[in-house]
Structures are given as structure tokens and as C-alpha cells.
Amino acid sequence: MNWLSYNTACRYEKGSWSECATGQMTRADKLKASSDPSCEATRVIKKNCKPGKSKDKSAKEQRKNKDKGNFFKKLSKKQSK
């Protein structure tokens, strides 16, 4: 593979995941302007999931930040003893 064929690959801007419905989530990705024009303009990605669970990063980040806060609270309690 030479560098020209590498630069003309199909590259996509990732979309957002849909809600989990009927055990499947979907995401529509749009072709980046720098990609080969012969690529599909939009690709649809499907992923299996469990209803009621979300892949939303903001919710995940909130849990992560909450856990960090609890860690520092516990640490400060130990140091004050």
C-alpha cells in the first residue's frame, strides 16, 4: 500500500448512537470531505444492546466524576483522623 491509497481511504465523522430499541442501536456516520469521493456518503453502524442500558458518554462521564469525588472525600476523612 502506498501513501496515496492510504490518504484516499474512506474516513467518517461518527454520529450519535440511537436509544437501544428491540435489542439494537444504530449510528449514522458521514463521510469526511478529505475522503475518497467514491466512498458511501453515509454509513450506518448497528450494534446489539440490552434495552434500558445507554451508551451515552455523558452519563458515563458523570458516574466517573462522581466516583472521583467520593474517592477524594474518603481520602480527606482518612487524613483528618
C-alpha atoms as a PDB file:
ATOM      1  CA  MET A   1       0.000   0.000   0.000  1.00  0.00           C
ATOM      2  CA  ASN A   2       1.465   3.360  -0.949  1.00  0.00           C
ATOM      3  CA  TRP A   3       0.779   6.650   0.814  1.00  0.00           C
ATOM      4  CA  LEU A   4      -1.623   7.843  -1.914  1.00  0.00           C
ATOM      5  CA  SER A   5      -4.019   4.964  -1.399  1.00  0.00           C
ATOM      6  CA  TYR A   6      -3.770   5.457   2.372  1.00  0.00           C
ATOM      7  CA  ASN A   7      -4.735   9.143   2.108  1.00  0.00           C
ATOM      8  CA  THR A   8      -7.789   8.415  -0.036  1.00  0.00           C
ATOM      9  CA  ALA A   9      -9.349   5.946   2.383  1.00  0.00           C
ATOM     10  CA  CYS A  10     -12.957   6.212   3.492  1.00  0.00           C
ATOM     11  CA  ARG A  11     -12.933   8.280   6.682  1.00  0.00           C
ATOM     12  CA  TYR A  12     -16.110   9.098   8.573  1.00  0.00           C
ATOM     13  CA  GLU A  13     -17.291  11.575  11.192  1.00  0.00           C
ATOM     14  CA  LYS A  14     -19.008   9.453  13.834  1.00  0.00           C
ATOM     15  CA  GLY A  15     -22.644  10.190  14.624  1.00  0.00           C
ATOM     16  CA  SER A  16     -24.504   9.605  17.885  1.00  0.00           C
ATOM     17  CA  TRP A  17     -25.861   6.230  18.946  1.00  0.00           C
ATOM     18  CA  SER A  18     -29.623   5.852  18.971  1.00  0.00           C
ATOM     19  CA  GLU A  19     -31.504   4.584  22.002  1.00  0.00           C
ATOM     20  CA  CYS A  20     -31.498   0.830  22.482  1.00  0.00           C
ATOM     21  CA  ALA A  21     -34.706  -0.416  20.864  1.00  0.00           C
ATOM     22  CA  THR A  22     -35.538  -4.042  20.154  1.00  0.00           C
ATOM     23  CA  GLY A  23     -32.041  -5.081  21.205  1.00  0.00           C
ATOM     24  CA  GLN A  24     -30.216  -2.935  18.658  1.00  0.00           C
ATOM     25  CA  MET A  25     -28.677   0.548  18.448  1.00  0.00           C
ATOM     26  CA  THR A  26     -27.759   2.405  15.254  1.00  0.00           C
ATOM     27  CA  ARG A  27     -25.363   5.209  14.373  1.00  0.00           C
ATOM     28  CA  ALA A  28     -25.124   7.138  11.089  1.00  0.00           C
ATOM     29  CA  ASP A  29     -21.595   8.281  10.163  1.00  0.00           C
ATOM     30  CA  LYS A  30     -20.979  10.946   7.499  1.00  0.00           C
ATOM     31  CA  LEU A  31     -18.097  10.856   5.040  1.00  0.00           C
ATOM     32  CA  LYS A  32     -15.351  13.412   5.750  1.00  0.00           C
ATOM     33  CA  ALA A  33     -14.542  15.874   2.955  1.00  0.00           C
ATOM     34  CA  SER A  34     -10.933  14.636   2.728  1.00  0.00           C
ATOM     35  CA  SER A  35     -12.072  11.081   1.912  1.00  0.00           C
ATOM     36  CA  ASP A  36     -12.225   9.360  -1.441  1.00  0.00           C
ATOM     37  CA  PRO A  37     -15.412  10.567  -3.198  1.00  0.00           C
ATOM     38  CA  SER A  38     -16.174   7.018  -4.345  1.00  0.00           C
ATOM     39  CA  CYS A  39     -16.938   6.058  -0.723  1.00  0.00           C
ATOM     40  CA  GLU A  40     -20.516   5.913   0.562  1.00  0.00           C
ATOM     41  CA  ALA A  41     -21.677   9.361   1.732  1.00  0.00           C
ATOM     42  CA  THR A  42     -23.273   7.876   4.860  1.00  0.00           C
ATOM     43  CA  ARG A  43     -22.700   4.542   6.551  1.00  0.00           C
ATOM     44  CA  VAL A  44     -24.998   3.044   9.156  1.00  0.00           C
ATOM     45  CA  ILE A  45     -23.474   1.052  12.007  1.00  0.00           C
ATOM     46  CA  LYS A  46     -25.636  -1.352  14.011  1.00  0.00           C
ATOM     47  CA  LYS A  47     -24.773  -2.745  17.413  1.00  0.00           C
ATOM     48  CA  ASN A  48     -26.532  -5.187  19.713  1.00  0.00           C
ATOM     49  CA  CYS A  49     -27.553  -3.851  23.112  1.00  0.00           C
ATOM     50  CA  LYS A  50     -29.698  -4.564  26.145  1.00  0.00           C
ATOM     51  CA  PRO A  51     -32.841  -2.403  26.424  1.00  0.00           C
ATOM     52  CA  GLY A  52     -32.629   0.073  29.292  1.00  0.00           C
ATOM     53  CA  LYS A  53     -28.856   0.492  29.024  1.00  0.00           C
ATOM     54  CA  SER A  54     -27.346   3.528  27.342  1.00  0.00           C
ATOM     55  CA  LYS A  55     -24.005   4.100  25.616  1.00  0.00           C
ATOM     56  CA  ASP A  56     -24.248   7.826  26.301  1.00  0.00           C
ATOM     57  CA  LYS A  57     -20.765   9.041  27.214  1.00  0.00           C
ATOM     58  CA  SER A  58     -22.079  11.986  29.195  1.00  0.00           C
ATOM     59  CA  ALA A  59     -23.823   9.648  31.647  1.00  0.00           C
ATOM     60  CA  LYS A  60     -20.670   7.541  31.855  1.00  0.00           C
ATOM     61  CA  GLU A  61     -18.565  10.641  32.481  1.00  0.00           C
ATOM     62  CA  GLN A  62     -20.961  11.763  35.213  1.00  0.00           C
ATOM     63  CA  ARG A  63     -20.556   8.421  37.006  1.00  0.00           C
ATOM     64  CA  LYS A  64     -16.795   8.595  36.570  1.00  0.00           C
ATOM     65  CA  ASN A  65     -16.628  12.110  38.016  1.00  0.00           C
ATOM     66  CA  LYS A  66     -18.926  11.109  40.884  1.00  0.00           C
ATOM     67  CA  ASP A  67     -16.604   8.226  41.747  1.00  0.00           C
ATOM     68  CA  LYS A  68     -13.620  10.595  41.753  1.00  0.00           C
ATOM     69  CA  GLY A  69     -15.458  12.897  44.138  1.00  0.00           C
ATOM     70  CA  ASN A  70     -16.171  10.020  46.522  1.00  0.00           C
ATOM     71  CA  PHE A  71     -12.513   8.996  46.426  1.00  0.00           C
ATOM     72  CA  PHE A  72     -11.334  12.444  47.469  1.00  0.00           C
ATOM     73  CA  LYS A  73     -13.977  12.683  50.212  1.00  0.00           C
ATOM     74  CA  LYS A  74     -12.830   9.355  51.653  1.00  0.00           C
ATOM     75  CA  LEU A  75      -9.189  10.403  51.376  1.00  0.00           C
ATOM     76  CA  SER A  76      -9.761  13.678  53.214  1.00  0.00           C
ATOM     77  CA  LYS A  77     -11.640  11.850  56.003  1.00  0.00           C
ATOM     78  CA  LYS A  78      -8.695   9.469  56.473  1.00  0.00           C
ATOM     79  CA  GLN A  79      -6.213  12.340  56.596  1.00  0.00           C
ATOM     80  CA  SER A  80      -8.253  14.298  59.148  1.00  0.00           C
ATOM     81  CA  LYS A  81      -8.247  11.382  61.638  1.00  0.00           C
END
